[in-house]
Protein backbone atom coordinates (compact mmCIF):
# COMPACT_ATOMS: atom_id res chain seq x y z
CA MET A 1 -8.55 -34.65 17.94
CA ASP A 2 -8.55 -30.83 18.49
CA THR A 3 -8.18 -30.25 22.10
CA THR A 4 -9.69 -26.67 23.56
CA ALA A 5 -6.52 -25.22 23.98
CA HIS A 6 -5.07 -26.31 20.37
CA ARG A 7 -8.21 -24.41 18.74
CA ARG A 8 -7.67 -21.45 20.85
CA ARG A 9 -4.15 -21.06 19.68
CA ARG A 10 -5.15 -21.60 16.19
CA ASP A 11 -7.65 -18.41 16.72
CA LEU A 12 -4.81 -16.60 18.43
CA LEU A 13 -2.97 -17.61 15.25
CA MET A 14 -4.59 -16.43 12.78
CA SER A 15 -6.36 -13.47 14.20
CA LEU A 16 -2.43 -12.76 15.17
CA LEU A 17 -1.52 -12.82 10.96
CA GLY A 18 -4.47 -10.48 10.08
CA ALA A 19 -3.47 -7.96 12.87
CA LEU A 20 0.24 -8.07 11.86
CA THR A 21 -0.69 -6.95 7.98
CA GLY A 22 -3.78 -4.98 9.69
CA ILE A 23 -1.06 -2.79 11.62
CA GLU A 24 0.65 -1.76 8.50
CA PHE A 25 -2.23 -0.98 6.18
CA LEU A 26 -3.76 0.97 8.84
CA GLU A 27 -0.62 2.71 9.96
CA ASN A 28 -0.53 3.90 6.10
CA ALA A 29 -3.75 4.86 5.85
CA MET A 30 -3.50 7.25 8.60
CA PHE A 31 0.23 8.63 7.29
CA VAL A 32 -1.77 9.35 4.00
CA PHE A 33 -4.76 10.63 5.50
CA ALA A 34 -2.71 13.06 7.47
CA VAL A 35 -0.08 14.14 5.35
CA SER A 36 -1.06 17.99 5.15
CA PRO A 37 -0.98 18.42 9.06
CA ILE A 38 2.25 16.10 9.28
CA MET A 39 3.89 17.97 6.94
CA HIS A 40 2.73 21.44 8.08
CA GLY A 41 4.06 19.98 11.62
CA VAL A 42 7.77 20.05 10.56
CA GLY A 43 7.66 22.97 8.25
CA ALA A 44 7.48 21.48 5.18
CA PRO A 45 5.31 21.54 2.15
CA PRO A 46 2.65 18.77 1.11
CA GLN A 47 5.26 18.07 -1.34
CA ALA A 48 7.52 17.17 0.21
CA VAL A 49 5.31 13.99 1.31
CA VAL A 50 7.16 12.29 -1.68
CA GLN A 51 10.43 12.57 -0.11
CA VAL A 52 9.07 11.06 3.26
CA GLN A 53 7.36 8.15 1.17
CA ALA A 54 10.09 7.86 -0.65
CA ALA A 55 12.22 6.69 2.40
CA TYR A 56 9.65 4.41 3.71
CA ALA A 57 9.41 2.48 0.61
CA ILE A 58 13.00 1.87 -0.05
CA ALA A 59 13.21 0.71 3.53
CA CYS A 60 10.42 -1.75 2.93
CA MET A 61 12.03 -2.96 -0.53
CA LEU A 62 16.09 -3.74 0.97
CA VAL A 63 14.03 -5.91 3.84
CA LEU A 64 11.72 -7.44 1.23
CA VAL A 65 14.55 -8.38 -1.00
CA LYS A 66 16.15 -10.06 1.94
CA GLN A 67 13.06 -11.17 3.35
CA HIS A 68 13.36 -15.09 2.47
CA TRP A 69 17.35 -14.84 4.11
CA LEU A 70 16.26 -12.88 6.68
CA ALA A 71 12.90 -15.55 7.92
CA GLU A 72 15.34 -18.52 7.01
CA GLN A 73 18.64 -17.60 8.99
CA LEU A 74 16.64 -15.59 11.88
CA GLY A 75 12.85 -17.78 12.25
CA TYR A 76 10.10 -16.10 11.69
CA ARG A 77 9.48 -15.40 15.79
CA ARG A 78 12.49 -13.51 15.84
CA TYR A 79 12.41 -11.89 12.66
CA LEU A 80 9.09 -10.26 12.70
CA CYS A 81 9.81 -9.34 16.52
CA GLY A 82 12.72 -7.58 15.55
CA ALA A 83 10.56 -5.56 12.65
CA LEU A 84 7.94 -4.83 14.91
CA ALA A 85 10.44 -3.86 17.39
CA LEU A 86 12.42 -1.40 14.33
CA PHE A 87 8.44 -0.12 13.31
CA VAL A 88 7.85 1.25 16.86
CA ALA A 89 11.31 2.61 17.42
CA GLY A 90 10.40 3.97 14.02
CA ALA A 91 6.96 5.43 15.15
CA LEU A 92 7.90 6.74 18.07
CA ALA A 93 10.94 8.90 15.95
CA CYS A 94 8.73 9.95 13.48
CA ALA A 95 6.27 11.35 16.35
CA PHE A 96 9.31 13.35 18.12
CA SER A 97 10.65 14.63 14.89
CA THR A 98 10.94 18.33 14.27
CA THR A 99 12.47 18.94 10.75
CA LEU A 100 11.66 17.09 7.37
CA ASP A 101 14.91 15.00 7.46
CA GLY A 102 14.40 14.28 10.78
CA LEU A 103 11.03 12.47 9.64
CA THR A 104 12.23 11.23 6.64
CA ALA A 105 15.00 9.20 8.86
CA ALA A 106 12.45 7.86 11.06
CA ARG A 107 10.15 6.53 8.02
CA PHE A 108 12.91 4.48 6.71
CA LEU A 109 14.07 3.05 10.25
CA GLN A 110 9.78 2.95 10.44
CA GLY A 111 9.69 1.01 6.59
CA LEU A 112 12.96 -1.75 7.83
CA GLY A 113 10.22 -3.02 10.48
CA GLY A 114 6.97 -2.12 8.18
CA GLY A 115 7.95 -3.94 5.24
CA ALA A 116 8.65 -7.05 6.90
CA LEU A 117 4.83 -7.70 8.03
CA PHE A 118 2.49 -8.07 5.24
CA THR A 119 4.55 -10.78 3.18
CA SER A 120 5.68 -12.74 6.14
CA SER A 121 1.74 -12.70 8.03
CA ARG A 122 0.53 -14.06 4.60
CA VAL A 123 3.69 -16.61 3.94
CA LEU A 124 2.96 -17.63 7.41
CA VAL A 125 -0.78 -18.59 6.48
CA ASN A 126 0.19 -21.29 4.55
CA MET A 127 3.18 -22.17 6.54
CA SER A 128 0.99 -22.62 9.77
CA PHE A 129 -2.26 -23.92 8.36
CA PRO A 130 -2.61 -27.15 6.21
CA PRO A 131 -4.91 -26.99 3.29
CA ALA A 132 -8.26 -28.22 5.33
CA GLU A 133 -7.72 -25.21 7.60
CA ARG A 134 -6.09 -22.76 5.45
CA ALA A 135 -9.37 -20.72 4.03
CA PRO A 136 -10.64 -19.44 7.70
CA ALA A 137 -7.20 -18.12 8.11
CA VAL A 138 -7.23 -16.91 4.87
CA ARG A 139 -10.40 -15.22 5.43
CA ARG A 140 -9.87 -13.22 8.54
CA PHE A 141 -6.57 -12.33 7.18
CA ILE A 142 -8.43 -10.32 4.60
CA ILE A 143 -10.91 -9.37 7.02
CA PHE A 144 -8.46 -7.57 9.15
CA VAL A 145 -6.64 -5.53 6.01
CA PHE A 146 -9.95 -4.37 4.80
CA ALA A 147 -11.05 -3.42 8.72
CA ALA A 148 -8.10 -1.52 8.86
CA GLY A 149 -8.50 0.25 5.68
CA ALA A 150 -11.97 1.25 7.07
CA ILE A 151 -10.74 2.43 10.55
CA GLY A 152 -7.46 4.18 9.59
CA PRO A 153 -9.04 7.63 7.98
CA VAL A 154 -11.63 8.15 11.03
CA LEU A 155 -9.05 7.25 13.44
CA SER A 156 -6.59 9.55 11.92
CA ALA A 157 -9.05 12.49 12.11
CA PHE A 158 -10.09 11.47 15.63
CA LEU A 159 -6.33 11.91 16.89
CA LEU A 160 -5.73 14.76 15.14
CA ALA A 161 -9.12 16.50 16.43
CA HIS A 162 -7.80 15.63 20.16
CA GLY A 163 -4.15 15.72 19.47
CA ASN A 164 -2.11 16.77 17.08
CA TRP A 165 0.13 15.15 14.35
CA SER A 166 1.99 13.28 16.09
CA TRP A 167 -0.72 11.39 17.35
CA ILE A 168 -0.72 9.42 14.29
CA PHE A 169 2.59 7.86 15.23
CA LEU A 170 1.99 7.41 18.76
CA GLY A 171 -1.49 6.01 18.22
CA ILE A 172 -0.07 2.56 15.99
CA VAL A 173 2.23 1.90 19.32
CA PRO A 174 0.23 -0.06 21.24
CA PRO A 175 -1.38 -2.71 18.81
CA ALA A 176 2.43 -3.17 18.01
CA LEU A 177 3.28 -3.83 21.22
CA LEU A 178 0.36 -6.24 21.39
CA ALA A 179 1.21 -7.53 18.25
CA LEU A 180 5.36 -8.01 18.79
CA ALA A 181 3.84 -9.67 22.60
CA GLY A 182 2.06 -12.14 20.45
CA CYS A 183 4.41 -12.69 17.93
CA ALA A 184 6.83 -13.73 20.96
CA TRP A 185 4.28 -15.98 22.38
CA LEU A 186 2.89 -17.96 19.20
CA LEU A 187 5.30 -17.84 16.26
CA PRO A 188 7.63 -20.70 14.99
CA ASP A 189 11.73 -19.79 15.92
CA ALA A 190 14.03 -20.88 13.66
CA HIS A 191 15.18 -24.54 12.43
CA PRO A 192 17.76 -26.02 14.40
CA GLY A 193 20.83 -26.78 12.65
CA ARG A 194 20.21 -24.52 9.91
CA ALA A 195 23.08 -23.86 7.90
CA PRO A 196 24.32 -20.60 7.72
CA MET A 197 23.45 -18.83 4.26
CA PRO A 198 25.52 -16.10 2.18
CA TRP A 199 24.58 -12.42 3.03
CA ALA A 200 24.67 -11.29 -1.10
CA TRP A 201 25.80 -8.28 -0.63
CA GLY A 202 26.28 -7.38 -4.42
CA GLY A 203 22.99 -8.12 -5.13
CA LEU A 204 21.98 -6.20 -2.12
CA LEU A 205 24.39 -3.37 -3.25
CA LEU A 206 22.63 -3.18 -6.78
CA PHE A 207 19.09 -2.89 -5.70
CA GLY A 208 19.68 -0.45 -3.14
CA ILE A 209 21.30 1.94 -5.67
CA ALA A 210 18.69 1.67 -8.38
CA ALA A 211 15.70 1.85 -5.83
CA VAL A 212 17.00 4.82 -4.34
CA GLY A 213 17.56 6.21 -7.39
CA LEU A 214 14.24 5.52 -8.55
CA GLN A 215 12.52 6.97 -5.70
CA MET A 216 14.69 10.28 -5.82
CA GLY A 217 13.64 10.63 -9.14
CA LEU A 218 9.91 10.19 -7.72
CA SER A 219 10.52 12.53 -5.24
CA GLU A 220 12.10 15.25 -7.68
CA ALA A 221 9.33 15.11 -9.83
CA SER A 222 7.21 16.86 -6.82
CA TYR A 223 9.30 19.74 -7.33
CA GLY A 224 10.95 20.12 -10.38
CA LEU A 225 8.65 18.02 -13.00
CA PHE A 226 7.60 20.87 -15.19
CA ALA A 227 11.48 22.92 -14.45
CA HIS A 228 13.55 20.35 -15.17
CA PRO A 229 11.48 17.69 -16.84
CA TRP A 230 14.41 15.83 -18.79
CA GLN A 231 16.62 15.98 -15.73
CA VAL A 232 14.41 13.72 -13.68
CA ALA A 233 13.22 11.59 -16.62
CA ALA A 234 17.35 10.75 -16.79
CA LEU A 235 16.92 9.90 -12.91
CA CYS A 236 14.57 7.60 -13.42
CA LEU A 237 16.01 6.17 -16.64
CA VAL A 238 19.55 5.09 -15.22
CA ALA A 239 17.04 4.08 -11.95
CA LEU A 240 15.44 1.36 -14.19
CA VAL A 241 18.50 0.40 -16.40
CA LEU A 242 19.58 -0.89 -12.54
CA MET A 243 16.84 -2.29 -11.59
CA GLY A 244 16.84 -4.44 -15.28
CA ALA A 245 20.59 -5.00 -14.41
CA PHE A 246 19.48 -6.43 -10.96
CA ALA A 247 16.78 -8.69 -12.73
CA VAL A 248 19.63 -9.72 -14.86
CA GLN A 249 21.88 -10.69 -12.30
CA GLN A 250 19.57 -12.35 -10.00
CA TRP A 251 18.21 -14.45 -12.82
CA ARG A 252 21.71 -15.46 -14.12
CA HIS A 253 23.05 -16.02 -9.82
CA ALA A 254 23.07 -19.71 -8.64
CA SER A 255 21.82 -18.29 -5.27
CA PRO A 256 19.64 -15.47 -6.14
CA LEU A 257 17.72 -12.95 -3.47
CA LEU A 258 14.79 -13.05 -5.96
CA HIS A 259 14.28 -16.52 -7.73
CA PHE A 260 13.02 -14.64 -10.82
CA ARG A 261 13.55 -18.03 -12.83
CA GLN A 262 11.11 -19.60 -10.23
CA LEU A 263 8.20 -17.35 -11.38
CA ASN A 264 8.36 -17.26 -15.23
CA SER A 265 4.94 -18.58 -15.00
CA PRO A 266 2.76 -16.43 -17.87
CA VAL A 267 -0.59 -17.23 -15.40
CA TYR A 268 1.61 -15.50 -12.37
CA LEU A 269 3.12 -12.74 -14.02
CA THR A 270 -0.07 -11.66 -15.54
CA GLY A 271 -1.69 -11.66 -12.20
CA LEU A 272 1.96 -9.25 -11.13
CA GLY A 273 0.67 -6.67 -13.94
CA LEU A 274 -2.99 -6.58 -12.51
CA TYR A 275 -1.85 -5.93 -9.39
CA PHE A 276 0.31 -3.71 -10.25
CA LEU A 277 -2.71 -1.44 -11.73
CA TYR A 278 -4.77 -2.43 -8.76
CA TYR A 279 -2.33 -0.70 -6.38
CA LEU A 280 -1.69 2.17 -8.78
CA LEU A 281 -5.31 3.72 -9.16
CA THR A 282 -5.99 2.78 -5.12
CA ASN A 283 -3.10 4.62 -4.59
CA PHE A 284 -3.72 7.68 -6.90
CA GLY A 285 -7.51 8.01 -5.37
CA ASN A 286 -6.56 7.67 -1.86
CA ALA A 287 -4.17 10.45 -2.58
CA LEU A 288 -6.05 12.29 -4.50
CA PHE A 289 -9.01 12.50 -2.72
CA PRO A 290 -8.00 14.47 1.33
CA VAL A 291 -7.16 17.22 -1.40
CA TYR A 292 -10.41 17.22 -3.04
CA ALA A 293 -13.01 16.70 -0.14
CA GLU A 294 -10.84 19.01 2.37
CA HIS A 295 -9.42 21.88 0.32
CA GLY A 296 -11.56 21.58 -2.54
CA LEU A 297 -14.99 21.12 -1.30
CA ALA A 298 -14.14 22.91 2.13
CA PHE A 299 -15.24 19.86 4.40
CA SER A 300 -13.74 19.87 7.91
CA LEU A 301 -11.30 17.26 8.39
CA GLY A 302 -13.41 14.92 10.36
CA THR A 303 -16.22 15.02 7.86
CA THR A 304 -13.23 13.87 5.31
CA GLY A 305 -12.04 10.96 7.81
CA TRP A 306 -15.30 9.32 7.86
CA LEU A 307 -16.46 9.78 4.21
CA SER A 308 -12.81 7.85 3.17
CA SER A 309 -13.76 5.61 6.34
CA LEU A 310 -17.03 4.75 4.31
CA GLY A 311 -15.71 3.66 1.78
CA GLY A 312 -13.40 1.91 3.84
CA LEU A 313 -16.60 0.41 5.47
CA ALA A 314 -18.10 0.12 2.06
CA GLY A 315 -15.36 -2.56 1.01
CA TRP A 316 -15.00 -4.36 3.94
CA CYS A 317 -18.87 -5.25 3.41
CA MET A 318 -18.29 -6.35 -0.18
CA ALA A 319 -15.41 -8.16 1.37
CA LEU A 320 -17.47 -10.36 3.38
CA ALA A 321 -20.23 -10.96 0.36
CA TYR A 322 -17.27 -11.88 -1.79
CA LEU A 323 -16.04 -15.06 0.71
CA ARG A 324 -19.30 -16.06 0.80
CA TRP A 325 -20.60 -16.05 -2.39
CA SER A 326 -17.57 -15.78 -5.12
CA LYS A 327 -17.39 -19.55 -5.66
CA LEU A 328 -20.90 -19.70 -7.31
CA LEU A 329 -19.04 -17.44 -10.55
CA PRO A 330 -16.29 -19.36 -11.10
CA ASN A 331 -15.01 -17.00 -14.02
CA LYS A 332 -13.84 -13.55 -12.23
CA LYS A 333 -13.17 -12.33 -14.96
CA PRO A 334 -16.90 -10.10 -14.71
CA LEU A 335 -16.38 -9.20 -11.22
CA MET A 336 -13.10 -7.98 -11.64
CA LEU A 337 -14.51 -5.61 -14.61
CA ALA A 338 -17.32 -4.68 -12.61
CA GLY A 339 -14.81 -3.51 -10.01
CA LEU A 340 -13.23 -1.50 -12.20
CA GLY A 341 -16.61 0.19 -13.43
CA ALA A 342 -17.36 0.62 -9.95
CA MET A 343 -14.37 2.73 -9.75
CA PHE A 344 -14.29 4.65 -13.22
CA LEU A 345 -18.09 5.67 -12.07
CA ALA A 346 -16.53 6.85 -8.54
CA ALA A 347 -14.09 8.86 -10.94
CA LEU A 348 -16.84 10.43 -12.76
CA TRP A 349 -18.90 11.13 -10.15
CA PHE A 350 -15.94 12.68 -8.12
CA ALA A 351 -15.41 14.93 -11.45
CA PHE A 352 -19.06 16.47 -11.91
CA VAL A 353 -19.99 16.98 -8.12
CA PRO A 354 -20.80 20.71 -7.57
CA ALA A 355 -18.68 23.42 -5.50
CA GLY A 356 -21.03 23.46 -2.09
CA SER A 357 -22.35 19.89 -1.76
CA SER A 358 -23.16 18.27 1.17
CA ALA A 359 -21.00 15.27 2.27
CA TYR A 360 -24.05 13.16 1.26
CA ALA A 361 -23.25 14.19 -2.63
CA LEU A 362 -20.17 12.15 -2.21
CA TRP A 363 -21.89 8.63 -0.75
CA PRO A 364 -22.59 7.05 -4.13
CA GLY A 365 -18.69 8.03 -5.72
CA ILE A 366 -17.62 7.06 -2.20
CA ILE A 367 -19.03 3.27 -2.06
CA ALA A 368 -18.50 2.55 -5.22
CA LYS A 369 -14.70 3.22 -4.87
CA GLY A 370 -14.90 1.13 -1.87
CA CYS A 371 -16.37 -1.72 -3.74
CA PHE A 372 -13.82 -1.48 -6.25
CA GLY A 373 -10.74 -2.59 -4.48
CA VAL A 374 -12.19 -6.16 -3.63
CA LEU A 375 -14.24 -7.05 -6.98
CA MET A 376 -10.54 -5.88 -8.61
CA VAL A 377 -7.67 -7.44 -5.91
CA LEU A 378 -9.63 -10.41 -4.55
CA PRO A 379 -9.89 -12.10 -7.62
CA VAL A 380 -6.35 -11.56 -8.41
CA ALA A 381 -5.21 -12.67 -5.40
CA GLY A 382 -6.67 -15.74 -5.86
CA LEU A 383 -5.89 -17.01 -8.97
CA SER A 384 -2.67 -15.44 -9.64
CA PHE A 385 -0.47 -18.47 -7.46
CA ARG A 386 -2.31 -20.99 -8.47
CA GLU A 387 0.24 -22.47 -10.92
CA LEU A 388 3.17 -21.73 -8.64
CA GLY A 389 2.70 -24.06 -5.98
CA GLU A 390 3.58 -24.28 -2.27
CA ASP A 391 7.43 -23.93 -2.63
CA ARG A 392 7.05 -21.40 -4.69
CA PHE A 393 4.48 -19.18 -2.89
CA ALA A 394 7.11 -17.32 -0.34
CA GLN A 395 9.22 -16.08 -2.97
CA ALA A 396 6.16 -15.16 -5.15
CA TYR A 397 4.53 -13.32 -2.42
CA GLN A 398 8.13 -11.47 -1.94
CA ALA A 399 8.00 -10.05 -5.44
CA LYS A 400 4.98 -9.60 -5.61
CA ASN A 401 4.76 -6.73 -2.42
CA LEU A 402 8.79 -5.67 -3.61
CA MET A 403 6.25 -4.59 -7.11
CA ARG A 404 3.77 -3.02 -4.52
CA GLN A 405 5.98 -0.76 -3.18
CA ILE A 406 7.20 0.32 -6.86
CA ALA A 407 2.91 1.02 -7.51
CA ILE A 408 2.33 3.17 -4.15
CA SER A 409 6.15 5.48 -5.10
CA MET A 410 4.54 6.10 -7.99
CA SER A 411 0.92 6.74 -7.69
CA THR A 412 1.52 9.12 -4.81
CA ALA A 413 3.84 10.96 -6.79
CA VAL A 414 1.64 10.98 -10.27
CA ALA A 415 -1.11 12.10 -8.25
CA THR A 416 0.59 15.00 -5.61
CA VAL A 417 2.69 16.64 -9.29
CA LEU A 418 -0.55 16.42 -11.02
CA VAL A 419 -2.94 18.18 -8.32
CA HIS A 420 -0.88 20.66 -6.94
CA ALA A 421 1.20 21.76 -10.37
CA ARG A 422 -2.77 21.97 -12.03
CA ALA A 423 -4.15 24.00 -9.14
CA ASP A 424 -1.54 26.73 -9.34
CA SER A 425 -2.16 26.69 -12.92
CA VAL A 426 -5.78 27.37 -12.45
CA GLN A 427 -5.15 29.51 -9.77
CA ALA A 428 -3.18 31.76 -11.79
CA GLY A 429 -5.70 32.08 -14.06
CA LEU A 430 -8.45 32.46 -11.65
CA GLY A 431 -6.45 36.01 -9.96
CA GLY A 432 -6.69 36.32 -6.24
CA GLY A 433 -9.23 36.12 -4.07
CA SER A 434 -10.26 34.34 -0.32
CA HIS A 435 -11.78 31.95 -2.28
CA ALA A 436 -9.45 31.74 -5.11
CA GLY A 437 -7.34 28.40 -3.85
CA ALA A 438 -9.97 26.37 -2.63
CA GLN A 439 -11.65 26.50 -5.85
CA ALA A 440 -8.62 26.08 -8.28
CA THR A 441 -7.86 22.89 -5.86
CA LEU A 442 -10.95 21.89 -6.62
CA VAL A 443 -11.13 22.42 -9.93
CA ALA A 444 -8.00 20.65 -10.67
CA SER A 445 -9.15 17.81 -8.67
CA GLN A 446 -11.89 17.44 -11.02
CA GLN A 447 -9.54 17.53 -14.22
CA ILE A 448 -7.67 15.02 -12.47
CA TYR A 449 -10.16 12.54 -11.53
CA LEU A 450 -11.24 12.79 -15.49
CA VAL A 451 -7.73 11.36 -15.91
CA LEU A 452 -7.91 8.81 -12.96
CA ALA A 453 -11.32 7.54 -15.15
CA VAL A 454 -9.66 7.57 -18.63
CA LEU A 455 -6.71 5.14 -17.36
CA VAL A 456 -9.21 3.20 -15.64
CA LEU A 457 -10.87 2.87 -19.09
CA LEU A 458 -7.48 1.83 -20.26
CA ALA A 459 -7.59 -0.89 -17.71
CA ILE A 460 -10.52 -2.31 -18.12
CA GLY A 461 -9.38 -2.46 -22.03
CA VAL A 462 -6.13 -4.59 -20.86
CA VAL A 463 -8.41 -6.92 -17.88
CA ALA A 464 -11.54 -7.39 -21.10
CA LYS A 465 -8.51 -8.37 -22.92
CA GLN A 466 -6.80 -11.34 -21.07
CA LYS A 467 -7.35 -14.93 -20.77
CA ARG A 468 -5.28 -16.24 -18.24
CA LEU A 469 -6.77 -15.48 -15.14
CA LEU A 470 -10.30 -17.05 -15.73
């Protein structure tokens, strides 16, 4: 029979695992919202964020590739305590950076810590709770994740209004230190007597070169896509070929870093593709909205933060409703289509809001955009891993989050390239004038929202045709 102490410890562990992922999501939401002030603070143009994000993504991907090895050899307590220590050190280094290169290096350090949090905490939910207790743990995990998305933008705006851009990084330090203390107290240690595993330098080096090449291509696209398109395309192509070589090497290796052969499930691979669509669309929209609202519609930073958080709050409320009533609809395809439909309507709404509109005019689009994430990703999350079983879940989640980092980098780079290139083109046509910059940004953003609407329509077609995730 459960004792009071055991129940309390179990509840604390549930909250800790949700908070670990929430911290990483919160920090990234704050960073994306505050891109312009951060880049201005280190004397760099907004497009330079692609270089900074690339450093974070590379670090995360390197950690994710070694996730299984690190967790097995160190144990989750030491692994996550070390990861949080790196995350805090990276945040402090970011806060005190004075140059673009310094910020890039600091974000790489922070990514070495942040890359461990999402995958490890979700895997620990399955490891720490038997099936009878797992549903409450998963619910709390989801609630923390969506709460972080709701809090991030408005907290970022508050810190910028009452401090400066450095507080975006300093603000995440206290919750990260609290989580570190929780990991030291609540998480399991390594299994005694565990045999050492080989480090597998060859696979890690090949993946590292491929990841750096891909991120360099995406970073270069933010500056030279239209001036040197073939060079950018060639760099990305070489990186993708190296990624393919890494996949082949891992498939044939007796002790791979990523267990591709164990993940050859049609349902899982379909889910992975839908995850990719979700991360691509949602991060594209997240990168575009602050530029559209603050620089196009000329809203204040605080108003833009509240609007972004309103979307997060809508998503959080929808997540609560989904957790309560989704079991009444066994076929989840209608929910996914409804989510994509909401994103389509949001993109169209933003594309036709006239200049000079109040913040209230954006509310319908904001709420629809917030509902998209829940209705799209939660059905996919619940169905993608069902064929793999407990023994392959950790490797499957590791590969999924590796794909997540690639999708985030791609969508951020593409959104950054499109909005700045199109705004420059529109402004050149408008000529000078005090309002030409804001008008050009608004026109460019609304045209890109139409492009996003077309992409969502294509995604609707993909989801409507698939029959595996039912």
